[in-house]
Amino acid sequence: MVVVGDFNTSKFSAAAAEMLPAMKAAGFGDVLDQEYQVNPPVNVRAEVVVNGWINSFNDYRRDMTPYSYSTNHAKVGNSIDWIFATNSLRVKQWKMVIDFNPTTLRINGVIPSDHNMISSIIML
């Protein structure tokens, strides 16, 4: 099973204290294995994390510095969008899909949404 979407709560929101353990106990955990108020994550489930230091919510702002850990790429962004998958599934990659200039930390081109897209490669 794979569950994706905008859950309107980050790992620092009180709702995540219940949501994250409940989802994992129900059989499908976060593909990054994030925990309530823990950053950087201890046991990242995805084998490769791409642009994990960027939040999913961008508020249509081109400058990424207010919604990223631009100086600490070991941390995972405080995203409100999640990918959950059956605990036994192998997660090869998690990615914050965003076209940006790594020197200026500014988004290139059209910003299609107030959320950056997240994706994952999961072995079924």
N, C-alpha and C. Protein backbone atom coordinates (compact mmCIF):
# COMPACT_ATOMS: atom_id res chain seq x y z
N MET A 1 0.84 -1.17 0.00
CA MET A 1 0.00 0.00 0.00
C MET A 1 0.89 1.24 0.00
N VAL A 2 0.48 2.24 -0.74
CA VAL A 2 1.17 3.53 -0.76
C VAL A 2 0.11 4.61 -0.53
N VAL A 3 0.39 5.51 0.39
CA VAL A 3 -0.52 6.61 0.72
C VAL A 3 0.27 7.90 0.56
N VAL A 4 -0.25 8.83 -0.24
CA VAL A 4 0.45 10.09 -0.48
C VAL A 4 -0.52 11.26 -0.31
N GLY A 5 0.02 12.42 0.01
CA GLY A 5 -0.83 13.60 0.04
C GLY A 5 -0.35 14.69 0.96
N ASP A 6 -1.13 15.75 0.96
CA ASP A 6 -0.92 16.91 1.81
C ASP A 6 -1.66 16.63 3.12
N PHE A 7 -0.91 16.34 4.17
CA PHE A 7 -1.50 16.03 5.47
C PHE A 7 -1.60 17.27 6.36
N ASN A 8 -1.16 18.43 5.84
CA ASN A 8 -1.22 19.71 6.57
C ASN A 8 -0.61 19.63 7.96
N THR A 9 0.41 18.82 8.12
CA THR A 9 1.12 18.77 9.39
C THR A 9 2.58 18.37 9.13
N SER A 10 3.49 19.05 9.81
CA SER A 10 4.90 18.71 9.68
C SER A 10 5.30 17.83 10.86
N LYS A 11 6.53 17.35 10.84
CA LYS A 11 7.02 16.51 11.93
C LYS A 11 7.13 17.28 13.24
N PHE A 12 6.98 18.60 13.19
CA PHE A 12 7.03 19.41 14.41
C PHE A 12 5.64 19.80 14.91
N SER A 13 4.60 19.42 14.19
CA SER A 13 3.22 19.69 14.62
C SER A 13 2.77 18.63 15.63
N ALA A 14 1.94 19.03 16.57
CA ALA A 14 1.46 18.10 17.60
C ALA A 14 0.75 16.90 16.98
N ALA A 15 0.07 17.09 15.87
CA ALA A 15 -0.64 15.98 15.23
C ALA A 15 0.33 14.87 14.79
N ALA A 16 1.55 15.25 14.44
CA ALA A 16 2.54 14.25 14.01
C ALA A 16 2.95 13.32 15.14
N ALA A 17 2.83 13.77 16.38
CA ALA A 17 3.17 12.92 17.53
C ALA A 17 2.28 11.69 17.55
N GLU A 18 1.05 11.82 17.07
CA GLU A 18 0.13 10.68 16.99
C GLU A 18 0.16 10.03 15.63
N MET A 19 0.20 10.85 14.57
CA MET A 19 0.09 10.34 13.20
C MET A 19 1.25 9.42 12.81
N LEU A 20 2.47 9.83 13.06
CA LEU A 20 3.62 9.04 12.59
C LEU A 20 3.70 7.65 13.24
N PRO A 21 3.61 7.53 14.57
CA PRO A 21 3.63 6.18 15.14
C PRO A 21 2.39 5.36 14.77
N ALA A 22 1.23 6.01 14.65
CA ALA A 22 0.01 5.29 14.31
C ALA A 22 0.08 4.72 12.89
N MET A 23 0.60 5.50 11.95
CA MET A 23 0.72 5.02 10.57
C MET A 23 1.68 3.84 10.51
N LYS A 24 2.83 3.97 11.18
CA LYS A 24 3.83 2.89 11.16
C LYS A 24 3.27 1.62 11.81
N ALA A 25 2.57 1.79 12.95
CA ALA A 25 1.98 0.64 13.64
C ALA A 25 0.88 -0.02 12.79
N ALA A 26 0.21 0.78 11.96
CA ALA A 26 -0.85 0.25 11.10
C ALA A 26 -0.27 -0.47 9.88
N GLY A 27 1.06 -0.38 9.70
CA GLY A 27 1.68 -1.15 8.63
C GLY A 27 2.27 -0.35 7.49
N PHE A 28 2.10 0.97 7.53
CA PHE A 28 2.68 1.77 6.44
C PHE A 28 3.28 3.05 7.00
N GLY A 29 4.61 3.06 7.07
CA GLY A 29 5.34 4.18 7.64
C GLY A 29 5.82 5.17 6.61
N ASP A 30 6.24 6.31 7.08
CA ASP A 30 6.83 7.35 6.24
C ASP A 30 8.04 6.78 5.53
N VAL A 31 8.19 7.07 4.25
CA VAL A 31 9.31 6.49 3.49
C VAL A 31 10.65 7.10 3.89
N LEU A 32 10.64 8.18 4.66
CA LEU A 32 11.88 8.71 5.23
C LEU A 32 12.08 8.24 6.67
N ASP A 33 11.06 7.62 7.25
CA ASP A 33 11.07 7.16 8.65
C ASP A 33 11.29 8.33 9.61
N GLN A 34 10.60 9.43 9.33
CA GLN A 34 10.70 10.59 10.21
C GLN A 34 9.96 10.33 11.51
N GLU A 35 10.42 11.00 12.55
CA GLU A 35 9.80 10.90 13.86
C GLU A 35 9.44 12.30 14.34
N TYR A 36 8.48 12.35 15.24
CA TYR A 36 8.02 13.62 15.81
C TYR A 36 9.19 14.38 16.42
N GLN A 37 9.38 15.60 15.98
CA GLN A 37 10.37 16.56 16.48
C GLN A 37 11.82 16.07 16.40
N VAL A 38 12.12 15.13 15.51
CA VAL A 38 13.50 14.65 15.36
C VAL A 38 14.02 15.11 13.99
N ASN A 39 15.11 15.85 14.00
CA ASN A 39 15.72 16.31 12.76
C ASN A 39 17.19 16.61 13.01
N PRO A 40 18.11 15.96 12.33
CA PRO A 40 17.89 15.06 11.20
C PRO A 40 17.35 13.70 11.66
N PRO A 41 16.70 12.99 10.72
CA PRO A 41 16.15 11.68 11.07
C PRO A 41 17.26 10.70 11.42
N VAL A 42 16.94 9.74 12.28
CA VAL A 42 17.93 8.79 12.78
C VAL A 42 18.15 7.64 11.79
N ASN A 43 17.10 7.00 11.36
CA ASN A 43 17.20 5.84 10.46
C ASN A 43 16.40 6.11 9.19
N VAL A 44 17.00 6.80 8.25
CA VAL A 44 16.29 7.13 7.01
C VAL A 44 15.99 5.85 6.25
N ARG A 45 14.75 5.68 5.90
CA ARG A 45 14.30 4.46 5.21
C ARG A 45 14.69 4.45 3.73
N ALA A 46 14.58 5.60 3.07
CA ALA A 46 14.95 5.69 1.65
C ALA A 46 16.46 5.53 1.50
N GLU A 47 16.86 4.74 0.53
CA GLU A 47 18.29 4.50 0.30
C GLU A 47 19.00 5.75 -0.21
N VAL A 48 18.30 6.57 -0.99
CA VAL A 48 18.84 7.82 -1.51
C VAL A 48 17.81 8.92 -1.26
N VAL A 49 18.26 10.04 -0.74
CA VAL A 49 17.39 11.20 -0.53
C VAL A 49 17.95 12.35 -1.36
N VAL A 50 17.10 12.92 -2.24
CA VAL A 50 17.52 14.00 -3.11
C VAL A 50 16.78 15.28 -2.70
N ASN A 51 17.52 16.30 -2.40
CA ASN A 51 16.97 17.61 -2.00
C ASN A 51 16.07 17.49 -0.77
N GLY A 52 16.41 16.59 0.12
CA GLY A 52 15.60 16.38 1.32
C GLY A 52 15.59 17.55 2.26
N TRP A 53 16.53 18.44 2.15
CA TRP A 53 16.67 19.59 3.04
C TRP A 53 15.72 20.73 2.69
N ILE A 54 14.88 20.53 1.66
CA ILE A 54 13.93 21.56 1.21
C ILE A 54 12.52 21.18 1.65
N ASN A 55 11.76 22.14 2.18
CA ASN A 55 10.36 21.91 2.56
C ASN A 55 9.50 21.71 1.31
N SER A 56 8.40 21.01 1.46
CA SER A 56 7.48 20.85 0.32
C SER A 56 6.63 22.10 0.11
N PHE A 57 6.29 22.82 1.15
CA PHE A 57 5.47 24.03 1.01
C PHE A 57 6.36 25.21 0.67
N ASN A 58 6.12 25.84 -0.49
CA ASN A 58 6.96 26.96 -0.92
C ASN A 58 6.25 28.31 -0.91
N ASP A 59 4.92 28.32 -0.75
CA ASP A 59 4.15 29.57 -0.69
C ASP A 59 4.41 30.46 -1.91
N TYR A 60 4.72 29.85 -3.04
CA TYR A 60 5.03 30.55 -4.30
C TYR A 60 6.23 31.48 -4.18
N ARG A 61 7.11 31.21 -3.21
CA ARG A 61 8.30 32.06 -3.05
C ARG A 61 9.46 31.47 -3.85
N ARG A 62 10.07 32.29 -4.65
CA ARG A 62 11.19 31.87 -5.49
C ARG A 62 12.45 31.64 -4.66
N ASP A 63 12.67 32.46 -3.62
CA ASP A 63 13.84 32.32 -2.75
C ASP A 63 13.59 31.16 -1.80
N MET A 64 14.42 30.13 -1.87
CA MET A 64 14.23 28.91 -1.09
C MET A 64 14.78 29.00 0.34
N THR A 65 15.59 29.98 0.64
CA THR A 65 16.24 30.00 1.95
C THR A 65 15.27 30.04 3.13
N PRO A 66 14.11 30.71 3.03
CA PRO A 66 13.20 30.69 4.19
C PRO A 66 12.53 29.33 4.43
N TYR A 67 12.48 28.46 3.43
CA TYR A 67 11.82 27.17 3.62
C TYR A 67 12.74 25.99 3.29
N SER A 68 13.99 26.11 3.74
CA SER A 68 14.92 25.01 3.55
C SER A 68 16.00 25.06 4.64
N TYR A 69 16.72 23.96 4.73
CA TYR A 69 17.91 23.91 5.59
C TYR A 69 19.12 24.04 4.68
N SER A 70 19.25 25.22 4.07
CA SER A 70 20.28 25.43 3.05
C SER A 70 21.70 25.31 3.59
N THR A 71 21.87 25.46 4.89
CA THR A 71 23.21 25.36 5.48
C THR A 71 23.44 24.03 6.20
N ASN A 72 22.42 23.15 6.19
CA ASN A 72 22.56 21.84 6.85
C ASN A 72 21.76 20.80 6.07
N HIS A 73 22.37 20.23 5.05
CA HIS A 73 21.67 19.28 4.19
C HIS A 73 21.44 17.93 4.85
N ALA A 74 21.94 17.72 6.06
CA ALA A 74 21.65 16.48 6.79
C ALA A 74 20.23 16.49 7.33
N LYS A 75 19.68 17.68 7.52
CA LYS A 75 18.30 17.79 8.02
C LYS A 75 17.31 17.55 6.89
N VAL A 76 16.09 17.18 7.27
CA VAL A 76 15.00 16.98 6.31
C VAL A 76 14.01 18.11 6.49
N GLY A 77 13.58 18.70 5.38
CA GLY A 77 12.65 19.81 5.41
C GLY A 77 11.40 19.52 6.23
N ASN A 78 10.78 20.56 6.72
CA ASN A 78 9.58 20.44 7.56
C ASN A 78 8.34 20.41 6.66
N SER A 79 8.25 19.37 5.88
CA SER A 79 7.20 19.26 4.87
C SER A 79 5.86 18.86 5.48
N ILE A 80 4.80 19.27 4.78
CA ILE A 80 3.45 18.88 5.17
C ILE A 80 2.89 17.84 4.19
N ASP A 81 3.66 17.53 3.17
CA ASP A 81 3.30 16.51 2.19
C ASP A 81 4.10 15.24 2.52
N TRP A 82 3.43 14.10 2.45
CA TRP A 82 4.03 12.86 2.91
C TRP A 82 3.83 11.73 1.91
N ILE A 83 4.74 10.77 1.94
CA ILE A 83 4.59 9.50 1.24
C ILE A 83 4.75 8.40 2.29
N PHE A 84 3.70 7.61 2.46
CA PHE A 84 3.72 6.46 3.36
C PHE A 84 3.63 5.21 2.49
N ALA A 85 4.32 4.15 2.90
CA ALA A 85 4.27 2.89 2.16
C ALA A 85 4.36 1.73 3.14
N THR A 86 3.82 0.60 2.71
CA THR A 86 3.89 -0.61 3.53
C THR A 86 5.31 -0.77 4.08
N ASN A 87 5.40 -1.02 5.37
CA ASN A 87 6.70 -1.05 6.06
C ASN A 87 7.71 -2.00 5.43
N SER A 88 7.24 -3.08 4.82
CA SER A 88 8.17 -4.08 4.26
C SER A 88 8.68 -3.70 2.87
N LEU A 89 8.13 -2.67 2.25
CA LEU A 89 8.56 -2.29 0.91
C LEU A 89 9.90 -1.57 0.92
N ARG A 90 10.73 -1.91 -0.04
CA ARG A 90 12.03 -1.25 -0.19
C ARG A 90 11.81 0.12 -0.84
N VAL A 91 12.42 1.14 -0.25
CA VAL A 91 12.32 2.51 -0.77
C VAL A 91 13.69 2.88 -1.32
N LYS A 92 13.79 2.92 -2.64
CA LYS A 92 15.08 3.19 -3.27
C LYS A 92 15.43 4.68 -3.26
N GLN A 93 14.41 5.53 -3.39
CA GLN A 93 14.69 6.98 -3.45
C GLN A 93 13.50 7.79 -2.98
N TRP A 94 13.81 8.90 -2.33
CA TRP A 94 12.83 9.95 -2.02
C TRP A 94 13.41 11.23 -2.60
N LYS A 95 12.57 12.03 -3.24
CA LYS A 95 13.08 13.23 -3.91
C LYS A 95 12.11 14.40 -3.78
N MET A 96 12.66 15.56 -3.44
CA MET A 96 11.94 16.82 -3.55
C MET A 96 12.19 17.30 -4.97
N VAL A 97 11.16 17.27 -5.79
CA VAL A 97 11.30 17.60 -7.20
C VAL A 97 11.18 19.12 -7.35
N ILE A 98 12.30 19.74 -7.65
CA ILE A 98 12.32 21.20 -7.73
C ILE A 98 13.47 21.62 -8.64
N ASP A 99 13.18 22.55 -9.54
CA ASP A 99 14.19 23.08 -10.46
C ASP A 99 14.70 24.38 -9.85
N PHE A 100 15.95 24.37 -9.37
CA PHE A 100 16.48 25.55 -8.71
C PHE A 100 17.95 25.75 -9.04
N ASN A 101 18.41 26.96 -8.82
CA ASN A 101 19.82 27.29 -9.00
C ASN A 101 20.53 27.04 -7.67
N PRO A 102 21.47 26.08 -7.62
CA PRO A 102 22.11 25.75 -6.35
C PRO A 102 23.01 26.86 -5.80
N THR A 103 23.40 27.79 -6.65
CA THR A 103 24.25 28.90 -6.20
C THR A 103 23.42 30.00 -5.53
N THR A 104 22.28 30.34 -6.14
CA THR A 104 21.45 31.43 -5.62
C THR A 104 20.31 30.94 -4.73
N LEU A 105 20.04 29.63 -4.76
CA LEU A 105 18.90 29.02 -4.04
C LEU A 105 17.58 29.68 -4.43
N ARG A 106 17.42 29.90 -5.72
CA ARG A 106 16.19 30.45 -6.27
C ARG A 106 15.59 29.47 -7.26
N ILE A 107 14.24 29.34 -7.23
CA ILE A 107 13.54 28.44 -8.14
C ILE A 107 13.61 29.02 -9.55
N ASN A 108 13.87 28.14 -10.51
CA ASN A 108 13.90 28.52 -11.92
C ASN A 108 12.51 28.39 -12.53
N GLY A 109 12.22 29.19 -13.54
CA GLY A 109 11.01 29.04 -14.33
C GLY A 109 9.73 29.28 -13.58
N VAL A 110 8.66 28.68 -14.08
CA VAL A 110 7.31 28.84 -13.53
C VAL A 110 7.18 28.01 -12.25
N ILE A 111 6.58 28.59 -11.22
CA ILE A 111 6.28 27.86 -9.99
C ILE A 111 4.83 27.37 -10.12
N PRO A 112 4.64 26.08 -10.39
CA PRO A 112 3.30 25.58 -10.71
C PRO A 112 2.35 25.44 -9.53
N SER A 113 2.87 25.45 -8.32
CA SER A 113 2.03 25.21 -7.15
C SER A 113 2.69 25.83 -5.92
N ASP A 114 1.91 25.99 -4.85
CA ASP A 114 2.49 26.46 -3.60
C ASP A 114 3.16 25.32 -2.83
N HIS A 115 3.18 24.14 -3.43
CA HIS A 115 3.89 22.99 -2.89
C HIS A 115 4.87 22.49 -3.94
N ASN A 116 6.08 22.12 -3.50
CA ASN A 116 7.00 21.42 -4.37
C ASN A 116 6.58 19.96 -4.39
N MET A 117 6.71 19.34 -5.55
CA MET A 117 6.31 17.95 -5.67
C MET A 117 7.34 17.04 -4.99
N ILE A 118 6.85 15.98 -4.35
CA ILE A 118 7.74 14.96 -3.82
C ILE A 118 7.48 13.67 -4.60
N SER A 119 8.52 12.87 -4.72
CA SER A 119 8.37 11.59 -5.41
C SER A 119 9.19 10.54 -4.67
N SER A 120 8.89 9.30 -4.98
CA SER A 120 9.63 8.21 -4.38
C SER A 120 9.65 7.02 -5.32
N ILE A 121 10.76 6.30 -5.30
CA ILE A 121 10.87 5.05 -6.05
C ILE A 121 10.74 3.93 -5.02
N ILE A 122 9.66 3.17 -5.12
CA ILE A 122 9.33 2.12 -4.17
C ILE A 122 9.23 0.79 -4.91
N MET A 123 9.91 -0.22 -4.40
CA MET A 123 9.88 -1.54 -5.03
C MET A 123 8.66 -2.32 -4.54
N LEU A 124 7.81 -2.70 -5.47
CA LEU A 124 6.61 -3.47 -5.12
C LEU A 124 6.86 -4.95 -5.29
